[in-house]
Amino acid sequence: MKKRAEPDQLKAELREQVHRIERAQQERRTILAQAASLGVLGLLLAIPIVAGAYLGRWLDSLFAGYSIRWTIGLIVLGVFLGATNVYLQLRR
């Protein structure tokens, strides 16, 4: 047969569960905090890509003739750096 739990033990377990629920509600992030976090992640991804495009375009303009080698190469590097930034931010 199952042994009945003591009233004091039930009260203690109930208090612990209420405490965990209250702590979870306090630690929950607001919608504004989540939107700010997504904005930061977007910037961490976009800035290296745009910087690579501008730097690559400037380097391509220094050489005679039509070339997009630096632009494409630095955009790809920007994508890699941006993805790395986002990954490291999410791990934190």
PDB file of N, CA and C in Angstrom:
ATOM      1  N   MET A   1       0.831  -1.180   0.000  1.00  0.00           N
ATOM      2  CA  MET A   1       0.000   0.000   0.000  1.00  0.00           C
ATOM      3  C   MET A   1       0.874   1.242   0.000  1.00  0.00           C
ATOM      4  N   LYS A   2       0.308   2.257  -0.585  1.00  0.00           N
ATOM      5  CA  LYS A   2       1.021   3.521  -0.673  1.00  0.00           C
ATOM      6  C   LYS A   2       0.921   4.268   0.650  1.00  0.00           C
ATOM      7  N   LYS A   3       2.033   4.756   1.121  1.00  0.00           N
ATOM      8  CA  LYS A   3       2.055   5.486   2.376  1.00  0.00           C
ATOM      9  C   LYS A   3       1.587   6.913   2.133  1.00  0.00           C
ATOM     10  N   ARG A   4       0.725   7.433   2.996  1.00  0.00           N
ATOM     11  CA  ARG A   4       0.225   8.801   2.859  1.00  0.00           C
ATOM     12  C   ARG A   4       1.311   9.775   3.263  1.00  0.00           C
ATOM     13  N   ALA A   5       1.393  10.857   2.496  1.00  0.00           N
ATOM     14  CA  ALA A   5       2.377  11.890   2.800  1.00  0.00           C
ATOM     15  C   ALA A   5       1.889  12.727   3.975  1.00  0.00           C
ATOM     16  N   GLU A   6       2.811  13.180   4.746  1.00  0.00           N
ATOM     17  CA  GLU A   6       2.497  14.005   5.902  1.00  0.00           C
ATOM     18  C   GLU A   6       2.059  15.391   5.427  1.00  0.00           C
ATOM     19  N   PRO A   7       1.162  16.051   6.162  1.00  0.00           N
ATOM     20  CA  PRO A   7       0.702  17.387   5.765  1.00  0.00           C
ATOM     21  C   PRO A   7       1.838  18.401   5.687  1.00  0.00           C
ATOM     22  N   ASP A   8       2.809  18.299   6.606  1.00  0.00           N
ATOM     23  CA  ASP A   8       3.935  19.234   6.567  1.00  0.00           C
ATOM     24  C   ASP A   8       4.782  19.026   5.309  1.00  0.00           C
ATOM     25  N   GLN A   9       4.937  17.783   4.925  1.00  0.00           N
ATOM     26  CA  GLN A   9       5.715  17.483   3.719  1.00  0.00           C
ATOM     27  C   GLN A   9       4.992  18.021   2.483  1.00  0.00           C
ATOM     28  N   LEU A  10       3.676  17.883   2.430  1.00  0.00           N
ATOM     29  CA  LEU A  10       2.910  18.409   1.299  1.00  0.00           C
ATOM     30  C   LEU A  10       2.996  19.935   1.223  1.00  0.00           C
ATOM     31  N   LYS A  11       2.936  20.583   2.373  1.00  0.00           N
ATOM     32  CA  LYS A  11       3.052  22.044   2.413  1.00  0.00           C
ATOM     33  C   LYS A  11       4.423  22.484   1.911  1.00  0.00           C
ATOM     34  N   ALA A  12       5.453  21.776   2.314  1.00  0.00           N
ATOM     35  CA  ALA A  12       6.815  22.135   1.885  1.00  0.00           C
ATOM     36  C   ALA A  12       6.979  21.950   0.381  1.00  0.00           C
ATOM     37  N   GLU A  13       6.444  20.860  -0.149  1.00  0.00           N
ATOM     38  CA  GLU A  13       6.530  20.635  -1.596  1.00  0.00           C
ATOM     39  C   GLU A  13       5.744  21.686  -2.365  1.00  0.00           C
ATOM     40  N   LEU A  14       4.585  22.057  -1.840  1.00  0.00           N
ATOM     41  CA  LEU A  14       3.764  23.079  -2.491  1.00  0.00           C
ATOM     42  C   LEU A  14       4.473  24.425  -2.481  1.00  0.00           C
ATOM     43  N   ARG A  15       5.085  24.778  -1.346  1.00  0.00           N
ATOM     44  CA  ARG A  15       5.849  26.033  -1.270  1.00  0.00           C
ATOM     45  C   ARG A  15       6.994  26.047  -2.278  1.00  0.00           C
ATOM     46  N   GLU A  16       7.669  24.917  -2.400  1.00  0.00           N
ATOM     47  CA  GLU A  16       8.785  24.827  -3.344  1.00  0.00           C
ATOM     48  C   GLU A  16       8.306  25.002  -4.779  1.00  0.00           C
ATOM     49  N   GLN A  17       7.183  24.389  -5.121  1.00  0.00           N
ATOM     50  CA  GLN A  17       6.651  24.521  -6.473  1.00  0.00           C
ATOM     51  C   GLN A  17       6.209  25.953  -6.751  1.00  0.00           C
ATOM     52  N   VAL A  18       5.572  26.590  -5.787  1.00  0.00           N
ATOM     53  CA  VAL A  18       5.161  27.988  -5.954  1.00  0.00           C
ATOM     54  C   VAL A  18       6.388  28.877  -6.132  1.00  0.00           C
ATOM     55  N   HIS A  19       7.418  28.619  -5.366  1.00  0.00           N
ATOM     56  CA  HIS A  19       8.659  29.398  -5.476  1.00  0.00           C
ATOM     57  C   HIS A  19       9.284  29.233  -6.863  1.00  0.00           C
ATOM     58  N   ARG A  20       9.301  28.019  -7.404  1.00  0.00           N
ATOM     59  CA  ARG A  20       9.852  27.781  -8.739  1.00  0.00           C
ATOM     60  C   ARG A  20       9.038  28.500  -9.806  1.00  0.00           C
ATOM     61  N   ILE A  21       7.710  28.488  -9.674  1.00  0.00           N
ATOM     62  CA  ILE A  21       6.848  29.164 -10.651  1.00  0.00           C
ATOM     63  C   ILE A  21       7.076  30.674 -10.610  1.00  0.00           C
ATOM     64  N   GLU A  22       7.157  31.243  -9.409  1.00  0.00           N
ATOM     65  CA  GLU A  22       7.399  32.679  -9.278  1.00  0.00           C
ATOM     66  C   GLU A  22       8.756  33.065  -9.857  1.00  0.00           C
ATOM     67  N   ARG A  23       9.774  32.252  -9.596  1.00  0.00           N
ATOM     68  CA  ARG A  23      11.110  32.542 -10.126  1.00  0.00           C
ATOM     69  C   ARG A  23      11.118  32.468 -11.647  1.00  0.00           C
ATOM     70  N   ALA A  24      10.414  31.504 -12.225  1.00  0.00           N
ATOM     71  CA  ALA A  24      10.333  31.377 -13.679  1.00  0.00           C
ATOM     72  C   ALA A  24       9.619  32.576 -14.291  1.00  0.00           C
ATOM     73  N   GLN A  25       8.591  33.087 -13.633  1.00  0.00           N
ATOM     74  CA  GLN A  25       7.887  34.245 -14.152  1.00  0.00           C
ATOM     75  C   GLN A  25       8.749  35.499 -14.080  1.00  0.00           C
ATOM     76  N   GLN A  26       9.566  35.629 -13.061  1.00  0.00           N
ATOM     77  CA  GLN A  26      10.442  36.786 -12.938  1.00  0.00           C
ATOM     78  C   GLN A  26      11.566  36.756 -13.964  1.00  0.00           C
ATOM     79  N   GLU A  27      12.060  35.567 -14.280  1.00  0.00           N
ATOM     80  CA  GLU A  27      13.183  35.439 -15.207  1.00  0.00           C
ATOM     81  C   GLU A  27      12.754  35.433 -16.665  1.00  0.00           C
ATOM     82  N   ARG A  28      11.451  35.360 -16.929  1.00  0.00           N
ATOM     83  CA  ARG A  28      10.966  35.313 -18.300  1.00  0.00           C
ATOM     84  C   ARG A  28      11.246  36.653 -18.982  1.00  0.00           C
ATOM     85  N   ARG A  29      11.714  36.571 -20.214  1.00  0.00           N
ATOM     86  CA  ARG A  29      12.063  37.772 -20.965  1.00  0.00           C
ATOM     87  C   ARG A  29      10.802  38.386 -21.565  1.00  0.00           C
ATOM     88  N   THR A  30      10.792  39.701 -21.621  1.00  0.00           N
ATOM     89  CA  THR A  30       9.644  40.401 -22.194  1.00  0.00           C
ATOM     90  C   THR A  30       9.763  40.406 -23.722  1.00  0.00           C
ATOM     91  N   ILE A  31       8.683  40.791 -24.364  1.00  0.00           N
ATOM     92  CA  ILE A  31       8.685  40.859 -25.831  1.00  0.00           C
ATOM     93  C   ILE A  31       9.685  41.903 -26.303  1.00  0.00           C
ATOM     94  N   LEU A  32       9.788  43.012 -25.588  1.00  0.00           N
ATOM     95  CA  LEU A  32      10.738  44.058 -25.966  1.00  0.00           C
ATOM     96  C   LEU A  32      12.178  43.553 -25.869  1.00  0.00           C
ATOM     97  N   ALA A  33      12.488  42.795 -24.846  1.00  0.00           N
ATOM     98  CA  ALA A  33      13.841  42.247 -24.702  1.00  0.00           C
ATOM     99  C   ALA A  33      14.135  41.239 -25.801  1.00  0.00           C
ATOM    100  N   GLN A  34      13.145  40.435 -26.181  1.00  0.00           N
ATOM    101  CA  GLN A  34      13.341  39.472 -27.255  1.00  0.00           C
ATOM    102  C   GLN A  34      13.533  40.184 -28.590  1.00  0.00           C
ATOM    103  N   ALA A  35      12.784  41.260 -28.835  1.00  0.00           N
ATOM    104  CA  ALA A  35      12.935  42.022 -30.078  1.00  0.00           C
ATOM    105  C   ALA A  35      14.302  42.686 -30.146  1.00  0.00           C
ATOM    106  N   ALA A  36      14.763  43.211 -29.034  1.00  0.00           N
ATOM    107  CA  ALA A  36      16.091  43.821 -28.999  1.00  0.00           C
ATOM    108  C   ALA A  36      17.168  42.774 -29.273  1.00  0.00           C
ATOM    109  N   SER A  37      16.995  41.593 -28.724  1.00  0.00           N
ATOM    110  CA  SER A  37      17.958  40.522 -28.952  1.00  0.00           C
ATOM    111  C   SER A  37      18.004  40.139 -30.436  1.00  0.00           C
ATOM    112  N   LEU A  38      16.839  40.033 -31.072  1.00  0.00           N
ATOM    113  CA  LEU A  38      16.806  39.722 -32.501  1.00  0.00           C
ATOM    114  C   LEU A  38      17.435  40.832 -33.328  1.00  0.00           C
ATOM    115  N   GLY A  39      17.228  42.080 -32.918  1.00  0.00           N
ATOM    116  CA  GLY A  39      17.839  43.207 -33.620  1.00  0.00           C
ATOM    117  C   GLY A  39      19.353  43.166 -33.541  1.00  0.00           C
ATOM    118  N   VAL A  40      19.860  42.841 -32.381  1.00  0.00           N
ATOM    119  CA  VAL A  40      21.315  42.734 -32.209  1.00  0.00           C
ATOM    120  C   VAL A  40      21.866  41.607 -33.074  1.00  0.00           C
ATOM    121  N   LEU A  41      21.163  40.477 -33.106  1.00  0.00           N
ATOM    122  CA  LEU A  41      21.626  39.360 -33.934  1.00  0.00           C
ATOM    123  C   LEU A  41      21.632  39.743 -35.410  1.00  0.00           C
ATOM    124  N   GLY A  42      20.623  40.487 -35.833  1.00  0.00           N
ATOM    125  CA  GLY A  42      20.578  40.950 -37.220  1.00  0.00           C
ATOM    126  C   GLY A  42      21.745  41.860 -37.559  1.00  0.00           C
ATOM    127  N   LEU A  43      22.061  42.765 -36.654  1.00  0.00           N
ATOM    128  CA  LEU A  43      23.201  43.657 -36.886  1.00  0.00           C
ATOM    129  C   LEU A  43      24.524  42.891 -36.884  1.00  0.00           C
ATOM    130  N   LEU A  44      24.632  41.927 -35.985  1.00  0.00           N
ATOM    131  CA  LEU A  44      25.863  41.129 -35.949  1.00  0.00           C
ATOM    132  C   LEU A  44      26.080  40.375 -37.255  1.00  0.00           C
ATOM    133  N   LEU A  45      25.005  40.023 -37.929  1.00  0.00           N
ATOM    134  CA  LEU A  45      25.120  39.332 -39.203  1.00  0.00           C
ATOM    135  C   LEU A  45      25.311  40.308 -40.361  1.00  0.00           C
ATOM    136  N   ALA A  46      24.585  41.416 -40.354  1.00  0.00           N
ATOM    137  CA  ALA A  46      24.559  42.321 -41.510  1.00  0.00           C
ATOM    138  C   ALA A  46      25.789  43.208 -41.624  1.00  0.00           C
ATOM    139  N   ILE A  47      26.306  43.687 -40.522  1.00  0.00           N
ATOM    140  CA  ILE A  47      27.421  44.645 -40.584  1.00  0.00           C
ATOM    141  C   ILE A  47      28.661  44.066 -41.263  1.00  0.00           C
ATOM    142  N   PRO A  48      29.123  42.860 -40.934  1.00  0.00           N
ATOM    143  CA  PRO A  48      30.295  42.332 -41.650  1.00  0.00           C
ATOM    144  C   PRO A  48      30.042  42.129 -43.149  1.00  0.00           C
ATOM    145  N   ILE A  49      28.827  41.768 -43.525  1.00  0.00           N
ATOM    146  CA  ILE A  49      28.518  41.555 -44.942  1.00  0.00           C
ATOM    147  C   ILE A  49      28.567  42.878 -45.694  1.00  0.00           C
ATOM    148  N   VAL A  50      27.918  43.899 -45.145  1.00  0.00           N
ATOM    149  CA  VAL A  50      27.905  45.209 -45.804  1.00  0.00           C
ATOM    150  C   VAL A  50      29.307  45.815 -45.826  1.00  0.00           C
ATOM    151  N   ALA A  51      30.041  45.687 -44.740  1.00  0.00           N
ATOM    152  CA  ALA A  51      31.410  46.211 -44.704  1.00  0.00           C
ATOM    153  C   ALA A  51      32.284  45.495 -45.736  1.00  0.00           C
ATOM    154  N   GLY A  52      32.118  44.206 -45.876  1.00  0.00           N
ATOM    155  CA  GLY A  52      32.875  43.461 -46.883  1.00  0.00           C
ATOM    156  C   GLY A  52      32.522  43.899 -48.291  1.00  0.00           C
ATOM    157  N   ALA A  53      31.248  44.173 -48.542  1.00  0.00           N
ATOM    158  CA  ALA A  53      30.826  44.627 -49.871  1.00  0.00           C
ATOM    159  C   ALA A  53      31.429  45.985 -50.201  1.00  0.00           C
ATOM    160  N   TYR A  54      31.358  46.913 -49.260  1.00  0.00           N
ATOM    161  CA  TYR A  54      31.925  48.249 -49.510  1.00  0.00           C
ATOM    162  C   TYR A  54      33.438  48.203 -49.680  1.00  0.00           C
ATOM    163  N   LEU A  55      34.122  47.474 -48.818  1.00  0.00           N
ATOM    164  CA  LEU A  55      35.581  47.374 -48.915  1.00  0.00           C
ATOM    165  C   LEU A  55      35.981  46.676 -50.215  1.00  0.00           C
ATOM    166  N   GLY A  56      35.256  45.619 -50.568  1.00  0.00           N
ATOM    167  CA  GLY A  56      35.558  44.911 -51.817  1.00  0.00           C
ATOM    168  C   GLY A  56      35.321  45.778 -53.036  1.00  0.00           C
ATOM    169  N   ARG A  57      34.237  46.552 -53.028  1.00  0.00           N
ATOM    170  CA  ARG A  57      33.958  47.447 -54.156  1.00  0.00           C
ATOM    171  C   ARG A  57      35.050  48.513 -54.279  1.00  0.00           C
ATOM    172  N   TRP A  58      35.496  49.043 -53.151  1.00  0.00           N
ATOM    173  CA  TRP A  58      36.558  50.048 -53.179  1.00  0.00           C
ATOM    174  C   TRP A  58      37.862  49.445 -53.712  1.00  0.00           C
ATOM    175  N   LEU A  59      38.208  48.248 -53.269  1.00  0.00           N
ATOM    176  CA  LEU A  59      39.429  47.602 -53.761  1.00  0.00           C
ATOM    177  C   LEU A  59      39.319  47.289 -55.254  1.00  0.00           C
ATOM    178  N   ASP A  60      38.137  46.875 -55.712  1.00  0.00           N
ATOM    179  CA  ASP A  60      37.951  46.601 -57.139  1.00  0.00           C
ATOM    180  C   ASP A  60      38.066  47.868 -57.970  1.00  0.00           C
ATOM    181  N   SER A  61      37.674  48.998 -57.415  1.00  0.00           N
ATOM    182  CA  SER A  61      37.748  50.249 -58.175  1.00  0.00           C
ATOM    183  C   SER A  61      39.181  50.749 -58.325  1.00  0.00           C
ATOM    184  N   LEU A  62      40.089  50.260 -57.506  1.00  0.00           N
ATOM    185  CA  LEU A  62      41.482  50.701 -57.594  1.00  0.00           C
ATOM    186  C   LEU A  62      42.200  50.101 -58.802  1.00  0.00           C
ATOM    187  N   PHE A  63      41.715  48.987 -59.318  1.00  0.00           N
ATOM    188  CA  PHE A  63      42.367  48.303 -60.422  1.00  0.00           C
ATOM    189  C   PHE A  63      41.660  48.624 -61.727  1.00  0.00           C
ATOM    190  N   ALA A  64      42.426  48.668 -62.797  1.00  0.00           N
ATOM    191  CA  ALA A  64      41.871  48.964 -64.119  1.00  0.00           C
ATOM    192  C   ALA A  64      41.030  47.779 -64.602  1.00  0.00           C
ATOM    193  N   GLY A  65      39.971  48.074 -65.335  1.00  0.00           N
ATOM    194  CA  GLY A  65      39.116  47.013 -65.861  1.00  0.00           C
ATOM    195  C   GLY A  65      38.003  46.675 -64.891  1.00  0.00           C
ATOM    196  N   TYR A  66      37.097  45.867 -65.374  1.00  0.00           N
ATOM    197  CA  TYR A  66      35.948  45.476 -64.569  1.00  0.00           C
ATOM    198  C   TYR A  66      36.256  44.184 -63.827  1.00  0.00           C
ATOM    199  N   SER A  67      36.162  44.239 -62.515  1.00  0.00           N
ATOM    200  CA  SER A  67      36.438  43.060 -61.704  1.00  0.00           C
ATOM    201  C   SER A  67      35.571  43.104 -60.460  1.00  0.00           C
ATOM    202  N   ILE A  68      35.096  41.956 -60.055  1.00  0.00           N
ATOM    203  CA  ILE A  68      34.333  41.877 -58.805  1.00  0.00           C
ATOM    204  C   ILE A  68      34.936  40.838 -57.861  1.00  0.00           C
ATOM    205  N   ARG A  69      36.182  40.518 -58.095  1.00  0.00           N
ATOM    206  CA  ARG A  69      36.826  39.481 -57.277  1.00  0.00           C
ATOM    207  C   ARG A  69      36.875  39.863 -55.807  1.00  0.00           C
ATOM    208  N   TRP A  70      37.337  41.076 -55.520  1.00  0.00           N
ATOM    209  CA  TRP A  70      37.433  41.491 -54.122  1.00  0.00           C
ATOM    210  C   TRP A  70      36.047  41.611 -53.487  1.00  0.00           C
ATOM    211  N   THR A  71      35.109  42.122 -54.251  1.00  0.00           N
ATOM    212  CA  THR A  71      33.753  42.295 -53.716  1.00  0.00           C
ATOM    213  C   THR A  71      33.154  40.950 -53.318  1.00  0.00           C
ATOM    214  N   ILE A  72      33.178  39.999 -54.225  1.00  0.00           N
ATOM    215  CA  ILE A  72      32.611  38.684 -53.937  1.00  0.00           C
ATOM    216  C   ILE A  72      33.362  38.006 -52.786  1.00  0.00           C
ATOM    217  N   GLY A  73      34.663  38.067 -52.839  1.00  0.00           N
ATOM    218  CA  GLY A  73      35.472  37.424 -51.797  1.00  0.00           C
ATOM    219  C   GLY A  73      35.205  38.007 -50.413  1.00  0.00           C
ATOM    220  N   LEU A  74      35.112  39.324 -50.337  1.00  0.00           N
ATOM    221  CA  LEU A  74      34.893  39.941 -49.026  1.00  0.00           C
ATOM    222  C   LEU A  74      33.438  39.802 -48.558  1.00  0.00           C
ATOM    223  N   ILE A  75      32.502  39.687 -49.481  1.00  0.00           N
ATOM    224  CA  ILE A  75      31.124  39.400 -49.076  1.00  0.00           C
ATOM    225  C   ILE A  75      31.044  37.992 -48.461  1.00  0.00           C
ATOM    226  N   VAL A  76      31.693  37.035 -49.085  1.00  0.00           N
ATOM    227  CA  VAL A  76      31.708  35.672 -48.541  1.00  0.00           C
ATOM    228  C   VAL A  76      32.389  35.657 -47.173  1.00  0.00           C
ATOM    229  N   LEU A  77      33.491  36.388 -47.042  1.00  0.00           N
ATOM    230  CA  LEU A  77      34.160  36.489 -45.752  1.00  0.00           C
ATOM    231  C   LEU A  77      33.244  37.152 -44.718  1.00  0.00           C
ATOM    232  N   GLY A  78      32.494  38.174 -45.145  1.00  0.00           N
ATOM    233  CA  GLY A  78      31.548  38.836 -44.250  1.00  0.00           C
ATOM    234  C   GLY A  78      30.440  37.910 -43.788  1.00  0.00           C
ATOM    235  N   VAL A  79      29.958  37.060 -44.689  1.00  0.00           N
ATOM    236  CA  VAL A  79      28.927  36.082 -44.306  1.00  0.00           C
ATOM    237  C   VAL A  79      29.482  35.125 -43.260  1.00  0.00           C
ATOM    238  N   PHE A  80      30.696  34.663 -43.471  1.00  0.00           N
ATOM    239  CA  PHE A  80      31.314  33.745 -42.513  1.00  0.00           C
ATOM    240  C   PHE A  80      31.510  34.431 -41.158  1.00  0.00           C
ATOM    241  N   LEU A  81      32.042  35.659 -41.171  1.00  0.00           N
ATOM    242  CA  LEU A  81      32.259  36.376 -39.912  1.00  0.00           C
ATOM    243  C   LEU A  81      30.944  36.709 -39.216  1.00  0.00           C
ATOM    244  N   GLY A  82      29.934  37.101 -39.984  1.00  0.00           N
ATOM    245  CA  GLY A  82      28.631  37.397 -39.396  1.00  0.00           C
ATOM    246  C   GLY A  82      27.996  36.175 -38.771  1.00  0.00           C
ATOM    247  N   ALA A  83      28.071  35.043 -39.464  1.00  0.00           N
ATOM    248  CA  ALA A  83      27.511  33.809 -38.918  1.00  0.00           C
ATOM    249  C   ALA A  83      28.257  33.389 -37.650  1.00  0.00           C
ATOM    250  N   THR A  84      29.560  33.588 -37.638  1.00  0.00           N
ATOM    251  CA  THR A  84      30.343  33.280 -36.442  1.00  0.00           C
ATOM    252  C   THR A  84      29.945  34.191 -35.290  1.00  0.00           C
ATOM    253  N   ASN A  85      29.743  35.483 -35.567  1.00  0.00           N
ATOM    254  CA  ASN A  85      29.301  36.414 -34.528  1.00  0.00           C
ATOM    255  C   ASN A  85      27.960  35.995 -33.936  1.00  0.00           C
ATOM    256  N   VAL A  86      27.017  35.639 -34.793  1.00  0.00           N
ATOM    257  CA  VAL A  86      25.693  35.228 -34.327  1.00  0.00           C
ATOM    258  C   VAL A  86      25.805  33.956 -33.485  1.00  0.00           C
ATOM    259  N   TYR A  87      26.590  33.000 -33.944  1.00  0.00           N
ATOM    260  CA  TYR A  87      26.777  31.749 -33.190  1.00  0.00           C
ATOM    261  C   TYR A  87      27.361  32.017 -31.808  1.00  0.00           C
ATOM    262  N   LEU A  88      28.388  32.852 -31.750  1.00  0.00           N
ATOM    263  CA  LEU A  88      29.007  33.150 -30.456  1.00  0.00           C
ATOM    264  C   LEU A  88      28.062  33.918 -29.537  1.00  0.00           C
ATOM    265  N   GLN A  89      27.262  34.803 -30.102  1.00  0.00           N
ATOM    266  CA  GLN A  89      26.294  35.545 -29.291  1.00  0.00           C
ATOM    267  C   GLN A  89      25.215  34.619 -28.736  1.00  0.00           C
ATOM    268  N   LEU A  90      24.754  33.688 -29.539  1.00  0.00           N
ATOM    269  CA  LEU A  90      23.727  32.762 -29.077  1.00  0.00           C
ATOM    270  C   LEU A  90      24.244  31.802 -28.019  1.00  0.00           C
ATOM    271  N   ARG A  91      25.509  31.475 -28.073  1.00  0.00           N
ATOM    272  CA  ARG A  91      26.097  30.578 -27.058  1.00  0.00           C
ATOM    273  C   ARG A  91      26.202  31.255 -25.702  1.00  0.00           C
ATOM    274  N   ARG A  92      26.262  32.582 -25.700  1.00  0.00           N
ATOM    275  CA  ARG A  92      26.376  33.338 -24.458  1.00  0.00           C
ATOM    276  C   ARG A  92      25.116  33.445 -23.747  1.00  0.00           C
TER     277      ARG A  92
END
